[in-house]
Amino acid sequence: MPIVKSSAVLDSSAIHDVAYDVRTRTLTIWLLGNRRPYHYLDVPLEVYEELVHAESAGHYFNEHIRHHYKYMH
């Protein structure tokens, strides 16, 4: 899966790494302690940008992404 937009390593106690593919609107998140990433589907670019700039990426993820978008693991 090519990453068209960006990827970022976050200063987070829950999230190790994130990436976003603009073409497919797929947000890929590597949670700490998991070997395989979660691929969240049909996520708007704004959600990715808000996650990357959130004061707490883990809190933002729990409130705005987890349970709000379909995913593949």
C-alpha atoms as a PDB file:
ATOM      1  CA  MET A   1       0.000   0.000   0.000  1.00  0.00           C
ATOM      2  CA  PRO A   2       1.795   3.180  -1.131  1.00  0.00           C
ATOM      3  CA  ILE A   3       1.802   6.098   1.275  1.00  0.00           C
ATOM      4  CA  VAL A   4       0.970   9.116  -0.835  1.00  0.00           C
ATOM      5  CA  LYS A   5       0.550  11.825   1.770  1.00  0.00           C
ATOM      6  CA  SER A   6       2.701  11.349   4.808  1.00  0.00           C
ATOM      7  CA  SER A   7       3.811   9.291   7.725  1.00  0.00           C
ATOM      8  CA  ALA A   8       4.747  10.334  11.219  1.00  0.00           C
ATOM      9  CA  VAL A   9       6.240   8.901  14.360  1.00  0.00           C
ATOM     10  CA  LEU A  10       4.256  10.251  17.278  1.00  0.00           C
ATOM     11  CA  ASP A  11       5.321  11.045  20.813  1.00  0.00           C
ATOM     12  CA  SER A  12       2.675   8.744  22.235  1.00  0.00           C
ATOM     13  CA  SER A  13       2.435   6.055  24.873  1.00  0.00           C
ATOM     14  CA  ALA A  14      -0.132   4.182  22.748  1.00  0.00           C
ATOM     15  CA  ILE A  15       0.770   4.758  19.083  1.00  0.00           C
ATOM     16  CA  HIS A  16       4.145   3.954  17.582  1.00  0.00           C
ATOM     17  CA  ASP A  17       3.672   5.176  14.010  1.00  0.00           C
ATOM     18  CA  VAL A  18       0.989   6.423  11.606  1.00  0.00           C
ATOM     19  CA  ALA A  19       0.737   6.823   7.854  1.00  0.00           C
ATOM     20  CA  TYR A  20      -1.932   8.118   5.498  1.00  0.00           C
ATOM     21  CA  ASP A  21      -2.629   7.296   1.855  1.00  0.00           C
ATOM     22  CA  VAL A  22      -4.495  10.178   0.205  1.00  0.00           C
ATOM     23  CA  ARG A  23      -5.523   8.180  -2.845  1.00  0.00           C
ATOM     24  CA  THR A  24      -7.283   5.426  -0.858  1.00  0.00           C
ATOM     25  CA  ARG A  25      -8.100   7.522   2.253  1.00  0.00           C
ATOM     26  CA  THR A  26      -6.504   4.806   4.376  1.00  0.00           C
ATOM     27  CA  LEU A  27      -5.057   5.656   7.785  1.00  0.00           C
ATOM     28  CA  THR A  28      -2.513   3.092   8.942  1.00  0.00           C
ATOM     29  CA  ILE A  29      -1.734   2.962  12.649  1.00  0.00           C
ATOM     30  CA  TRP A  30       0.874   0.870  14.450  1.00  0.00           C
ATOM     31  CA  LEU A  31      -0.143   0.556  18.097  1.00  0.00           C
ATOM     32  CA  LEU A  32       2.573  -0.157  20.634  1.00  0.00           C
ATOM     33  CA  GLY A  33       2.804  -3.853  21.368  1.00  0.00           C
ATOM     34  CA  ASN A  34       1.256  -4.944  18.042  1.00  0.00           C
ATOM     35  CA  ARG A  35       3.355  -6.333  15.220  1.00  0.00           C
ATOM     36  CA  ARG A  36       0.781  -5.679  12.518  1.00  0.00           C
ATOM     37  CA  PRO A  37      -0.773  -2.293  11.742  1.00  0.00           C
ATOM     38  CA  TYR A  38      -4.450  -1.447  11.633  1.00  0.00           C
ATOM     39  CA  HIS A  39      -5.656   0.022   8.339  1.00  0.00           C
ATOM     40  CA  TYR A  40      -8.629   2.331   8.922  1.00  0.00           C
ATOM     41  CA  LEU A  41     -10.706   2.828   5.787  1.00  0.00           C
ATOM     42  CA  ASP A  42     -12.274   5.938   4.242  1.00  0.00           C
ATOM     43  CA  VAL A  43     -10.727   8.328   6.763  1.00  0.00           C
ATOM     44  CA  PRO A  44     -10.742  12.027   5.787  1.00  0.00           C
ATOM     45  CA  LEU A  45      -7.377  13.753   5.472  1.00  0.00           C
ATOM     46  CA  GLU A  46      -8.412  16.177   8.213  1.00  0.00           C
ATOM     47  CA  VAL A  47      -8.672  13.321  10.723  1.00  0.00           C
ATOM     48  CA  TYR A  48      -5.101  12.248   9.944  1.00  0.00           C
ATOM     49  CA  GLU A  49      -3.845  15.824  10.327  1.00  0.00           C
ATOM     50  CA  GLU A  50      -5.707  16.288  13.609  1.00  0.00           C
ATOM     51  CA  LEU A  51      -4.268  13.009  14.918  1.00  0.00           C
ATOM     52  CA  VAL A  52      -0.702  14.016  14.051  1.00  0.00           C
ATOM     53  CA  HIS A  53      -1.113  17.414  15.736  1.00  0.00           C
ATOM     54  CA  ALA A  54      -3.169  16.292  18.723  1.00  0.00           C
ATOM     55  CA  GLU A  55      -1.850  17.004  22.198  1.00  0.00           C
ATOM     56  CA  SER A  56      -2.560  13.347  23.001  1.00  0.00           C
ATOM     57  CA  ALA A  57      -2.568  11.074  19.950  1.00  0.00           C
ATOM     58  CA  GLY A  58      -3.867   8.142  22.005  1.00  0.00           C
ATOM     59  CA  HIS A  59      -6.801  10.141  23.316  1.00  0.00           C
ATOM     60  CA  TYR A  60      -7.605  11.498  19.854  1.00  0.00           C
ATOM     61  CA  PHE A  61      -7.432   7.977  18.415  1.00  0.00           C
ATOM     62  CA  ASN A  62      -9.815   6.607  21.053  1.00  0.00           C
ATOM     63  CA  GLU A  63     -12.291   9.476  20.713  1.00  0.00           C
ATOM     64  CA  HIS A  64     -12.301  10.049  16.930  1.00  0.00           C
ATOM     65  CA  ILE A  65     -10.980   6.978  15.105  1.00  0.00           C
ATOM     66  CA  ARG A  66     -11.422   3.721  17.052  1.00  0.00           C
ATOM     67  CA  HIS A  67     -15.011   2.490  16.658  1.00  0.00           C
ATOM     68  CA  HIS A  68     -15.726   5.222  14.068  1.00  0.00           C
ATOM     69  CA  TYR A  69     -14.140   3.704  10.960  1.00  0.00           C
ATOM     70  CA  LYS A  70     -14.003   0.202   9.524  1.00  0.00           C
ATOM     71  CA  TYR A  71     -10.553  -1.355   9.634  1.00  0.00           C
ATOM     72  CA  MET A  72      -8.451  -4.284   8.495  1.00  0.00           C
ATOM     73  CA  HIS A  73      -5.796  -5.856  10.695  1.00  0.00           C
END
